[in-house]
């Protein structure tokens, strides 16, 4: 039996999530997500060589990108976008318990990728970062789907899903609630 590499594993999950969510995405952007996940699950491949401090708040990383010299600016904007996407997508439940709003991650990540797109020296990379910037919240949903290892089987999980929908307004989360027989009503805090 062939054991999957992390890249193969994430490629399969990302492709399925993109298809299930009917997200129009370039193959290059989809593979970028795969590589992003692969780099974060294998810390030896993350940004250790770039000397980026991932323990600092995202706002500090963004400020560092804005204030840095031209040679380092692209790397820091890219890292800010990557970290925002990874945290808000792969750890969306923990984001909901933080003092900052979910929109903070979406705004910060989308902005950072937009800046990286304008600074990129390569056309293909610029197109990927522009797509990530424009569809940031949709890509968050893709990573959220990839991160979900278990099904919703109890009321606690259902409540967490509904709270997530209330905070993010995610189309995917709303569809999941409807599939479970819960009708989320915009502007209401009631489950029907």
N, C-alpha and C. Protein backbone atom coordinates (compact mmCIF):
# COMPACT_ATOMS: atom_id res chain seq x y z
N UNK A 1 0.83 -1.18 0.00
CA UNK A 1 0.00 0.00 0.00
C UNK A 1 0.88 1.25 0.00
N UNK A 2 0.52 2.21 -0.80
CA UNK A 2 1.28 3.45 -0.95
C UNK A 2 0.88 4.45 0.13
N UNK A 3 1.84 4.92 0.91
CA UNK A 3 1.57 5.95 1.92
C UNK A 3 1.61 7.32 1.24
N UNK A 4 0.61 8.14 1.55
CA UNK A 4 0.55 9.46 0.94
C UNK A 4 1.53 10.42 1.60
N UNK A 5 2.13 11.26 0.80
CA UNK A 5 2.93 12.35 1.34
C UNK A 5 1.97 13.45 1.80
N UNK A 6 2.41 14.37 2.65
CA UNK A 6 1.53 15.47 3.03
C UNK A 6 1.01 16.25 1.82
N UNK A 7 1.86 16.43 0.82
CA UNK A 7 1.44 17.15 -0.38
C UNK A 7 0.31 16.42 -1.09
N UNK A 8 0.44 15.11 -1.26
CA UNK A 8 -0.61 14.34 -1.91
C UNK A 8 -1.91 14.37 -1.10
N UNK A 9 -1.76 14.23 0.20
CA UNK A 9 -2.92 14.24 1.09
C UNK A 9 -3.66 15.57 0.98
N UNK A 10 -2.94 16.68 1.11
CA UNK A 10 -3.58 17.99 1.05
C UNK A 10 -4.11 18.32 -0.34
N UNK A 11 -3.44 17.86 -1.37
CA UNK A 11 -3.93 18.11 -2.73
C UNK A 11 -5.31 17.50 -2.91
N UNK A 12 -5.47 16.28 -2.48
CA UNK A 12 -6.76 15.60 -2.61
C UNK A 12 -7.85 16.36 -1.83
N UNK A 13 -7.55 16.75 -0.60
CA UNK A 13 -8.53 17.45 0.22
C UNK A 13 -8.87 18.83 -0.33
N UNK A 14 -7.86 19.57 -0.78
CA UNK A 14 -8.09 20.91 -1.32
C UNK A 14 -8.92 20.83 -2.60
N UNK A 15 -8.57 19.90 -3.49
CA UNK A 15 -9.33 19.76 -4.74
C UNK A 15 -10.79 19.41 -4.47
N UNK A 16 -11.04 18.51 -3.51
CA UNK A 16 -12.41 18.14 -3.17
C UNK A 16 -13.16 19.33 -2.57
N UNK A 17 -12.53 20.07 -1.70
CA UNK A 17 -13.17 21.23 -1.05
C UNK A 17 -13.51 22.30 -2.08
N UNK A 18 -12.59 22.57 -2.99
CA UNK A 18 -12.84 23.58 -4.03
C UNK A 18 -14.01 23.15 -4.92
N UNK A 19 -14.02 21.88 -5.29
CA UNK A 19 -15.11 21.37 -6.13
C UNK A 19 -16.45 21.40 -5.39
N UNK A 20 -16.44 20.96 -4.14
CA UNK A 20 -17.68 20.90 -3.35
C UNK A 20 -18.24 22.31 -3.13
N UNK A 21 -17.38 23.28 -2.99
CA UNK A 21 -17.82 24.65 -2.74
C UNK A 21 -18.05 25.44 -4.03
N UNK A 22 -17.81 24.77 -5.15
CA UNK A 22 -17.99 25.41 -6.46
C UNK A 22 -17.22 26.72 -6.57
N UNK A 23 -16.00 26.68 -6.10
CA UNK A 23 -15.13 27.84 -6.16
C UNK A 23 -14.35 27.81 -7.46
N UNK A 24 -14.43 28.87 -8.21
CA UNK A 24 -13.63 28.99 -9.42
C UNK A 24 -12.25 29.46 -8.99
N UNK A 25 -11.27 28.60 -9.24
CA UNK A 25 -9.91 28.89 -8.80
C UNK A 25 -8.93 28.35 -9.83
N UNK A 26 -7.84 29.07 -10.01
CA UNK A 26 -6.81 28.57 -10.91
C UNK A 26 -6.12 27.37 -10.25
N UNK A 27 -5.59 26.49 -11.08
CA UNK A 27 -4.87 25.33 -10.56
C UNK A 27 -3.66 25.76 -9.75
N UNK A 28 -3.03 26.85 -10.17
CA UNK A 28 -1.84 27.33 -9.48
C UNK A 28 -2.20 27.81 -8.08
N UNK A 29 -3.32 28.52 -7.96
CA UNK A 29 -3.75 28.98 -6.64
C UNK A 29 -4.13 27.82 -5.74
N UNK A 30 -4.81 26.82 -6.31
CA UNK A 30 -5.17 25.63 -5.54
C UNK A 30 -3.91 24.93 -5.05
N UNK A 31 -2.91 24.80 -5.91
CA UNK A 31 -1.68 24.15 -5.48
C UNK A 31 -0.93 25.00 -4.47
N UNK A 32 -1.07 26.32 -4.55
CA UNK A 32 -0.46 27.19 -3.55
C UNK A 32 -1.02 26.85 -2.17
N UNK A 33 -2.34 26.62 -2.08
CA UNK A 33 -2.95 26.23 -0.80
C UNK A 33 -2.36 24.92 -0.29
N UNK A 34 -2.17 23.98 -1.21
CA UNK A 34 -1.57 22.70 -0.84
C UNK A 34 -0.18 22.92 -0.25
N UNK A 35 0.62 23.72 -0.92
CA UNK A 35 1.97 23.99 -0.45
C UNK A 35 1.97 24.75 0.88
N UNK A 36 1.02 25.65 1.03
CA UNK A 36 0.89 26.39 2.29
C UNK A 36 0.62 25.43 3.44
N UNK A 37 -0.34 24.53 3.27
CA UNK A 37 -0.65 23.56 4.31
C UNK A 37 0.55 22.66 4.58
N UNK A 38 1.20 22.22 3.53
CA UNK A 38 2.38 21.36 3.68
C UNK A 38 3.48 22.07 4.47
N UNK A 39 3.67 23.35 4.20
CA UNK A 39 4.75 24.07 4.89
C UNK A 39 4.44 24.28 6.36
N UNK A 40 3.17 24.44 6.71
CA UNK A 40 2.83 24.65 8.11
C UNK A 40 2.77 23.37 8.92
N UNK A 41 2.52 22.23 8.29
CA UNK A 41 2.53 20.98 9.05
C UNK A 41 3.94 20.42 9.17
N UNK A 42 4.84 20.92 8.37
CA UNK A 42 6.24 20.50 8.45
C UNK A 42 7.07 21.74 8.74
N UNK A 43 7.24 22.06 10.02
CA UNK A 43 7.88 23.32 10.41
C UNK A 43 9.27 23.52 9.81
N UNK A 44 9.94 22.43 9.48
CA UNK A 44 11.26 22.56 8.86
C UNK A 44 11.16 23.23 7.49
N UNK A 45 9.96 23.23 6.90
CA UNK A 45 9.78 23.82 5.58
C UNK A 45 9.12 25.19 5.65
N UNK A 46 8.67 25.59 6.82
CA UNK A 46 8.01 26.90 6.94
C UNK A 46 9.05 27.98 6.74
N UNK A 47 8.79 29.13 7.21
CA UNK A 47 9.60 30.29 6.90
C UNK A 47 10.79 30.49 7.82
N UNK A 48 11.32 29.40 8.35
CA UNK A 48 12.43 29.52 9.29
C UNK A 48 13.63 30.20 8.66
N UNK A 49 13.90 29.93 7.39
CA UNK A 49 15.05 30.52 6.73
C UNK A 49 14.88 32.01 6.49
N UNK A 50 13.65 32.47 6.41
CA UNK A 50 13.39 33.89 6.14
C UNK A 50 13.52 34.74 7.40
N UNK A 51 13.69 34.10 8.55
CA UNK A 51 13.85 34.85 9.79
C UNK A 51 12.59 35.58 10.22
N UNK A 52 11.44 35.00 9.96
CA UNK A 52 10.18 35.64 10.32
C UNK A 52 9.73 35.12 11.68
N UNK A 53 9.37 36.05 12.56
CA UNK A 53 8.89 35.71 13.89
C UNK A 53 7.39 35.49 13.83
N UNK A 54 6.96 34.23 13.83
CA UNK A 54 5.55 33.90 13.73
C UNK A 54 4.82 33.97 15.06
N UNK A 55 5.53 34.29 16.12
CA UNK A 55 4.89 34.41 17.42
C UNK A 55 4.35 35.82 17.67
N UNK A 56 4.71 36.75 16.82
CA UNK A 56 4.23 38.12 17.00
C UNK A 56 2.82 38.27 16.42
N UNK A 57 2.06 39.24 16.91
CA UNK A 57 0.72 39.47 16.36
C UNK A 57 0.79 39.80 14.87
N UNK A 58 -0.28 39.44 14.16
CA UNK A 58 -0.33 39.69 12.72
C UNK A 58 -0.16 41.17 12.38
N UNK A 59 -0.74 42.03 13.19
CA UNK A 59 -0.62 43.46 12.94
C UNK A 59 0.84 43.91 12.99
N UNK A 60 1.63 43.32 13.88
CA UNK A 60 3.05 43.66 13.96
C UNK A 60 3.79 43.17 12.72
N UNK A 61 3.43 41.98 12.27
CA UNK A 61 4.05 41.43 11.05
C UNK A 61 3.72 42.33 9.86
N UNK A 62 2.48 42.78 9.78
CA UNK A 62 2.08 43.68 8.70
C UNK A 62 2.82 45.01 8.79
N UNK A 63 2.93 45.56 9.98
CA UNK A 63 3.68 46.81 10.16
C UNK A 63 5.15 46.64 9.77
N UNK A 64 5.71 45.50 10.12
CA UNK A 64 7.09 45.21 9.73
C UNK A 64 7.22 45.17 8.21
N UNK A 65 6.22 44.59 7.54
CA UNK A 65 6.24 44.52 6.07
C UNK A 65 6.19 45.92 5.47
N UNK A 66 5.31 46.75 6.00
CA UNK A 66 5.15 48.11 5.48
C UNK A 66 6.42 48.93 5.68
N UNK A 67 7.07 48.74 6.83
CA UNK A 67 8.25 49.54 7.18
C UNK A 67 9.55 48.98 6.64
N UNK A 68 9.54 47.76 6.13
CA UNK A 68 10.79 47.12 5.72
C UNK A 68 11.30 47.64 4.38
N UNK A 69 12.54 47.30 4.12
CA UNK A 69 13.16 47.68 2.85
C UNK A 69 12.59 46.86 1.71
N UNK A 70 12.84 47.32 0.52
CA UNK A 70 12.27 46.71 -0.67
C UNK A 70 12.59 45.22 -0.80
N UNK A 71 13.79 44.83 -0.45
CA UNK A 71 14.21 43.43 -0.61
C UNK A 71 13.41 42.48 0.28
N UNK A 72 12.95 42.93 1.42
CA UNK A 72 12.26 42.06 2.38
C UNK A 72 10.74 42.26 2.37
N UNK A 73 10.27 43.33 1.81
CA UNK A 73 8.85 43.69 1.86
C UNK A 73 7.94 42.59 1.29
N UNK A 74 8.26 42.09 0.10
CA UNK A 74 7.43 41.06 -0.52
C UNK A 74 7.30 39.84 0.39
N UNK A 75 8.42 39.37 0.92
CA UNK A 75 8.42 38.18 1.78
C UNK A 75 7.53 38.37 2.99
N UNK A 76 7.57 39.55 3.58
CA UNK A 76 6.77 39.81 4.78
C UNK A 76 5.28 39.95 4.46
N UNK A 77 4.94 40.58 3.34
CA UNK A 77 3.52 40.66 2.95
C UNK A 77 2.98 39.26 2.65
N UNK A 78 3.76 38.47 1.95
CA UNK A 78 3.36 37.10 1.64
C UNK A 78 3.17 36.31 2.93
N UNK A 79 4.10 36.43 3.85
CA UNK A 79 4.02 35.71 5.13
C UNK A 79 2.80 36.15 5.93
N UNK A 80 2.48 37.43 5.90
CA UNK A 80 1.30 37.93 6.61
C UNK A 80 0.03 37.34 6.01
N UNK A 81 -0.06 37.32 4.69
CA UNK A 81 -1.21 36.71 4.03
C UNK A 81 -1.31 35.22 4.33
N UNK A 82 -0.17 34.53 4.25
CA UNK A 82 -0.15 33.09 4.51
C UNK A 82 -0.61 32.77 5.93
N UNK A 83 -0.08 33.49 6.89
CA UNK A 83 -0.42 33.23 8.28
C UNK A 83 -1.88 33.56 8.56
N UNK A 84 -2.37 34.66 8.00
CA UNK A 84 -3.78 35.02 8.17
C UNK A 84 -4.69 33.95 7.59
N UNK A 85 -4.36 33.47 6.41
CA UNK A 85 -5.17 32.44 5.75
C UNK A 85 -5.12 31.14 6.54
N UNK A 86 -3.95 30.74 6.94
CA UNK A 86 -3.80 29.48 7.66
C UNK A 86 -4.54 29.52 8.99
N UNK A 87 -4.36 30.57 9.76
CA UNK A 87 -5.01 30.66 11.07
C UNK A 87 -6.53 30.73 10.93
N UNK A 88 -7.01 31.62 10.06
CA UNK A 88 -8.46 31.79 9.95
C UNK A 88 -9.14 30.60 9.28
N UNK A 89 -8.42 29.86 8.46
CA UNK A 89 -9.01 28.71 7.80
C UNK A 89 -8.82 27.42 8.57
N UNK A 90 -7.61 27.13 8.94
CA UNK A 90 -7.31 25.86 9.57
C UNK A 90 -7.71 25.84 11.04
N UNK A 91 -7.70 26.98 11.67
CA UNK A 91 -8.05 27.08 13.09
C UNK A 91 -9.22 28.03 13.31
N UNK A 92 -10.22 27.93 12.45
CA UNK A 92 -11.34 28.87 12.51
C UNK A 92 -12.08 28.83 13.84
N UNK A 93 -12.18 27.67 14.47
CA UNK A 93 -12.85 27.61 15.77
C UNK A 93 -12.11 28.42 16.82
N UNK A 94 -10.78 28.37 16.82
CA UNK A 94 -10.04 29.15 17.82
C UNK A 94 -10.10 30.64 17.50
N UNK A 95 -10.22 31.01 16.23
CA UNK A 95 -10.36 32.42 15.86
C UNK A 95 -11.63 32.99 16.46
N UNK A 96 -12.68 32.17 16.50
CA UNK A 96 -13.96 32.64 17.03
C UNK A 96 -13.87 32.97 18.51
N UNK A 97 -12.89 32.42 19.21
CA UNK A 97 -12.75 32.67 20.63
C UNK A 97 -11.75 33.77 20.94
N UNK A 98 -11.20 34.42 19.92
CA UNK A 98 -10.22 35.48 20.13
C UNK A 98 -10.92 36.83 20.24
N UNK A 99 -10.24 37.79 20.84
CA UNK A 99 -10.86 39.11 20.99
C UNK A 99 -11.01 39.86 19.67
N UNK A 100 -10.22 39.52 18.66
CA UNK A 100 -10.34 40.20 17.38
C UNK A 100 -11.39 39.50 16.53
N UNK A 101 -12.03 40.25 15.68
CA UNK A 101 -13.10 39.75 14.84
C UNK A 101 -12.54 38.92 13.70
N UNK A 102 -13.34 38.00 13.19
CA UNK A 102 -12.96 37.18 12.03
C UNK A 102 -12.61 38.07 10.84
N UNK A 103 -13.36 39.16 10.68
CA UNK A 103 -13.12 40.08 9.57
C UNK A 103 -11.71 40.68 9.61
N UNK A 104 -11.15 40.77 10.80
CA UNK A 104 -9.78 41.26 10.96
C UNK A 104 -8.82 40.39 10.15
N UNK A 105 -8.95 39.08 10.29
CA UNK A 105 -8.06 38.17 9.56
C UNK A 105 -8.30 38.26 8.06
N UNK A 106 -9.56 38.36 7.66
CA UNK A 106 -9.89 38.44 6.24
C UNK A 106 -9.35 39.74 5.65
N UNK A 107 -9.57 40.83 6.33
CA UNK A 107 -9.09 42.13 5.83
C UNK A 107 -7.56 42.17 5.77
N UNK A 108 -6.94 41.76 6.85
CA UNK A 108 -5.48 41.80 6.92
C UNK A 108 -4.85 40.87 5.90
N UNK A 109 -5.37 39.65 5.80
CA UNK A 109 -4.82 38.68 4.84
C UNK A 109 -5.04 39.09 3.40
N UNK A 110 -6.25 39.56 3.10
CA UNK A 110 -6.54 40.01 1.74
C UNK A 110 -5.66 41.19 1.34
N UNK A 111 -5.49 42.14 2.26
CA UNK A 111 -4.63 43.30 2.00
C UNK A 111 -3.18 42.86 1.76
N UNK A 112 -2.68 41.99 2.63
CA UNK A 112 -1.29 41.55 2.51
C UNK A 112 -1.04 40.83 1.19
N UNK A 113 -1.96 39.95 0.79
CA UNK A 113 -1.79 39.27 -0.50
C UNK A 113 -1.88 40.25 -1.66
N UNK A 114 -2.74 41.25 -1.55
CA UNK A 114 -2.83 42.26 -2.60
C UNK A 114 -1.52 43.02 -2.77
N UNK A 115 -0.91 43.37 -1.66
CA UNK A 115 0.39 44.05 -1.71
C UNK A 115 1.47 43.11 -2.26
N UNK A 116 1.44 41.85 -1.86
CA UNK A 116 2.41 40.88 -2.38
C UNK A 116 2.25 40.73 -3.89
N UNK A 117 1.01 40.76 -4.38
CA UNK A 117 0.76 40.65 -5.82
C UNK A 117 1.42 41.81 -6.56
N UNK A 118 1.30 43.01 -6.03
CA UNK A 118 1.88 44.17 -6.69
C UNK A 118 3.41 44.19 -6.62
N UNK A 119 3.96 43.53 -5.62
CA UNK A 119 5.42 43.52 -5.45
C UNK A 119 6.10 42.33 -6.11
N UNK A 120 5.32 41.34 -6.52
CA UNK A 120 5.90 40.12 -7.07
C UNK A 120 6.65 40.38 -8.36
N UNK A 121 7.80 39.74 -8.48
CA UNK A 121 8.61 39.87 -9.68
C UNK A 121 8.17 38.90 -10.78
N UNK A 122 7.29 37.98 -10.46
CA UNK A 122 6.86 36.96 -11.41
C UNK A 122 5.36 37.09 -11.67
N UNK A 123 4.97 37.08 -12.93
CA UNK A 123 3.58 37.27 -13.32
C UNK A 123 2.66 36.20 -12.74
N UNK A 124 3.07 34.94 -12.80
CA UNK A 124 2.23 33.86 -12.29
C UNK A 124 2.01 34.02 -10.79
N UNK A 125 3.06 34.32 -10.05
CA UNK A 125 2.92 34.52 -8.61
C UNK A 125 2.02 35.72 -8.32
N UNK A 126 2.16 36.78 -9.09
CA UNK A 126 1.32 37.96 -8.90
C UNK A 126 -0.15 37.60 -9.10
N UNK A 127 -0.43 36.77 -10.10
CA UNK A 127 -1.81 36.35 -10.36
C UNK A 127 -2.36 35.50 -9.21
N UNK A 128 -1.53 34.63 -8.65
CA UNK A 128 -1.95 33.81 -7.52
C UNK A 128 -2.28 34.69 -6.32
N UNK A 129 -1.38 35.61 -5.99
CA UNK A 129 -1.61 36.46 -4.83
C UNK A 129 -2.81 37.39 -5.03
N UNK A 130 -3.03 37.82 -6.24
CA UNK A 130 -4.21 38.65 -6.52
C UNK A 130 -5.49 37.83 -6.33
N UNK A 131 -5.48 36.59 -6.81
CA UNK A 131 -6.65 35.73 -6.62
C UNK A 131 -6.88 35.44 -5.14
N UNK A 132 -5.82 35.17 -4.40
CA UNK A 132 -5.95 34.94 -2.96
C UNK A 132 -6.49 36.18 -2.26
N UNK A 133 -6.07 37.33 -2.70
CA UNK A 133 -6.54 38.59 -2.13
C UNK A 133 -8.03 38.79 -2.39
N UNK A 134 -8.44 38.60 -3.63
CA UNK A 134 -9.82 38.85 -4.03
C UNK A 134 -10.81 37.84 -3.46
N UNK A 135 -10.36 36.60 -3.28
CA UNK A 135 -11.25 35.53 -2.83
C UNK A 135 -10.83 34.99 -1.46
N UNK A 136 -10.25 35.85 -0.66
CA UNK A 136 -9.66 35.41 0.61
C UNK A 136 -10.66 34.63 1.47
N UNK A 137 -11.86 35.17 1.67
CA UNK A 137 -12.83 34.48 2.55
C UNK A 137 -13.27 33.15 1.95
N UNK A 138 -13.32 33.03 0.64
CA UNK A 138 -13.67 31.75 0.01
C UNK A 138 -12.56 30.72 0.24
N UNK A 139 -11.30 31.18 0.16
CA UNK A 139 -10.19 30.26 0.41
C UNK A 139 -10.12 29.87 1.89
N UNK A 140 -10.55 30.78 2.78
CA UNK A 140 -10.66 30.43 4.20
C UNK A 140 -11.62 29.25 4.35
N UNK A 141 -12.76 29.31 3.66
CA UNK A 141 -13.72 28.20 3.71
C UNK A 141 -13.11 26.89 3.21
N UNK A 142 -12.29 26.97 2.19
CA UNK A 142 -11.63 25.76 1.67
C UNK A 142 -10.72 25.18 2.75
N UNK A 143 -9.91 26.01 3.38
CA UNK A 143 -9.01 25.50 4.41
C UNK A 143 -9.78 25.01 5.63
N UNK A 144 -10.90 25.64 5.94
CA UNK A 144 -11.73 25.18 7.05
C UNK A 144 -12.25 23.78 6.77
N UNK A 145 -12.70 23.56 5.55
CA UNK A 145 -13.19 22.22 5.19
C UNK A 145 -12.07 21.19 5.29
N UNK A 146 -10.89 21.57 4.85
CA UNK A 146 -9.76 20.64 4.93
C UNK A 146 -9.44 20.31 6.38
N UNK A 147 -9.56 21.29 7.26
CA UNK A 147 -9.18 21.07 8.66
C UNK A 147 -10.20 20.25 9.45
N UNK A 148 -11.40 20.18 8.97
CA UNK A 148 -12.43 19.47 9.74
C UNK A 148 -12.24 17.95 9.61
N UNK A 149 -11.85 17.37 10.69
CA UNK A 149 -11.55 15.93 10.67
C UNK A 149 -12.74 15.09 11.10
N UNK A 150 -13.69 15.66 11.77
CA UNK A 150 -14.81 14.86 12.24
C UNK A 150 -16.13 15.46 11.78
N UNK A 151 -17.17 14.67 11.85
CA UNK A 151 -18.50 15.13 11.46
C UNK A 151 -19.19 15.75 12.66
N UNK A 152 -20.23 16.50 12.37
CA UNK A 152 -21.02 17.11 13.43
C UNK A 152 -21.98 16.07 13.98
N UNK A 153 -21.72 15.63 15.20
CA UNK A 153 -22.53 14.56 15.74
C UNK A 153 -23.28 14.93 17.02
N UNK A 154 -22.96 16.08 17.61
CA UNK A 154 -23.66 16.42 18.84
C UNK A 154 -24.11 17.88 18.83
N UNK A 155 -24.89 18.26 19.81
CA UNK A 155 -25.45 19.61 19.86
C UNK A 155 -24.37 20.67 20.09
N UNK A 156 -23.32 20.31 20.80
CA UNK A 156 -22.24 21.26 21.03
C UNK A 156 -21.58 21.64 19.71
N UNK A 157 -21.34 20.65 18.86
CA UNK A 157 -20.74 20.92 17.56
C UNK A 157 -21.67 21.75 16.69
N UNK A 158 -22.96 21.45 16.75
CA UNK A 158 -23.96 22.19 15.98
C UNK A 158 -24.01 23.65 16.44
N UNK A 159 -23.98 23.87 17.74
CA UNK A 159 -24.00 25.21 18.28
C UNK A 159 -22.75 25.99 17.86
N UNK A 160 -21.60 25.34 17.92
CA UNK A 160 -20.36 25.99 17.48
C UNK A 160 -20.44 26.37 16.00
N UNK A 161 -21.01 25.49 15.19
CA UNK A 161 -21.16 25.77 13.77
C UNK A 161 -22.08 26.97 13.56
N UNK A 162 -23.18 27.02 14.31
CA UNK A 162 -24.11 28.14 14.18
C UNK A 162 -23.46 29.45 14.65
N UNK A 163 -22.72 29.41 15.74
CA UNK A 163 -22.01 30.60 16.22
C UNK A 163 -21.01 31.08 15.18
N UNK A 164 -20.37 30.14 14.53
CA UNK A 164 -19.42 30.49 13.47
C UNK A 164 -20.14 31.18 12.32
N UNK A 165 -21.30 30.66 11.94
CA UNK A 165 -22.07 31.28 10.86
C UNK A 165 -22.50 32.70 11.25
N UNK A 166 -22.91 32.88 12.51
CA UNK A 166 -23.32 34.21 12.97
C UNK A 166 -22.18 35.22 12.86
N UNK A 167 -20.97 34.77 13.18
CA UNK A 167 -19.82 35.68 13.15
C UNK A 167 -19.28 35.94 11.75
N UNK A 168 -19.27 34.91 10.92
CA UNK A 168 -18.61 35.04 9.61
C UNK A 168 -19.56 35.24 8.45
N UNK A 169 -20.78 34.72 8.57
CA UNK A 169 -21.71 34.77 7.45
C UNK A 169 -21.28 33.88 6.30
N UNK A 170 -20.40 32.93 6.55
CA UNK A 170 -19.85 32.05 5.53
C UNK A 170 -20.94 31.28 4.80
N UNK A 171 -20.91 31.33 3.47
CA UNK A 171 -21.87 30.58 2.66
C UNK A 171 -21.75 29.08 2.93
N UNK A 172 -20.54 28.61 3.05
CA UNK A 172 -20.31 27.19 3.29
C UNK A 172 -20.89 26.75 4.62
N UNK A 173 -20.67 27.54 5.66
CA UNK A 173 -21.19 27.20 6.98
C UNK A 173 -22.72 27.22 6.97
N UNK A 174 -23.31 28.19 6.29
CA UNK A 174 -24.76 28.26 6.16
C UNK A 174 -25.31 27.03 5.45
N UNK A 175 -24.62 26.58 4.40
CA UNK A 175 -25.05 25.38 3.67
C UNK A 175 -24.95 24.14 4.56
N UNK A 176 -23.90 24.07 5.37
CA UNK A 176 -23.75 22.94 6.28
C UNK A 176 -24.91 22.91 7.29
N UNK A 177 -25.28 24.09 7.80
CA UNK A 177 -26.41 24.15 8.74
C UNK A 177 -27.69 23.69 8.07
N UNK A 178 -27.93 24.16 6.84
CA UNK A 178 -29.14 23.75 6.12
C UNK A 178 -29.16 22.24 5.89
N UNK A 179 -27.98 21.67 5.57
CA UNK A 179 -27.90 20.22 5.37
C UNK A 179 -28.24 19.45 6.65
N UNK A 180 -28.00 20.08 7.80
CA UNK A 180 -28.30 19.44 9.08
C UNK A 180 -29.72 19.76 9.57
N UNK A 181 -30.49 20.47 8.72
CA UNK A 181 -31.86 20.77 9.06
C UNK A 181 -32.05 22.05 9.85
N UNK A 182 -31.02 22.88 9.90
CA UNK A 182 -31.09 24.15 10.63
C UNK A 182 -31.16 25.27 9.60
N UNK A 183 -32.15 26.13 9.75
CA UNK A 183 -32.32 27.24 8.83
C UNK A 183 -31.74 28.51 9.45
N UNK A 184 -30.53 28.90 9.04
CA UNK A 184 -29.96 30.14 9.58
C UNK A 184 -30.67 31.34 8.96
N UNK A 185 -31.10 32.26 9.80
CA UNK A 185 -31.84 33.43 9.35
C UNK A 185 -30.95 34.66 9.49
N UNK A 186 -30.60 35.31 8.37
CA UNK A 186 -29.76 36.51 8.45
C UNK A 186 -30.39 37.57 9.35
N UNK A 187 -29.55 38.20 10.16
CA UNK A 187 -30.01 39.27 11.05
C UNK A 187 -30.70 38.76 12.30
N UNK A 188 -30.78 37.46 12.47
CA UNK A 188 -31.47 36.89 13.62
C UNK A 188 -30.50 36.04 14.42
N UNK A 189 -30.69 35.97 15.68
CA UNK A 189 -29.86 35.11 16.52
C UNK A 189 -30.60 33.81 16.86
N UNK A 190 -31.71 33.59 16.15
CA UNK A 190 -32.53 32.41 16.42
C UNK A 190 -32.25 31.31 15.41
N UNK A 191 -32.32 30.09 15.89
CA UNK A 191 -32.23 28.92 15.00
C UNK A 191 -33.65 28.48 14.74
N UNK A 192 -33.97 28.25 13.46
CA UNK A 192 -35.33 27.80 13.13
C UNK A 192 -35.29 26.42 12.54
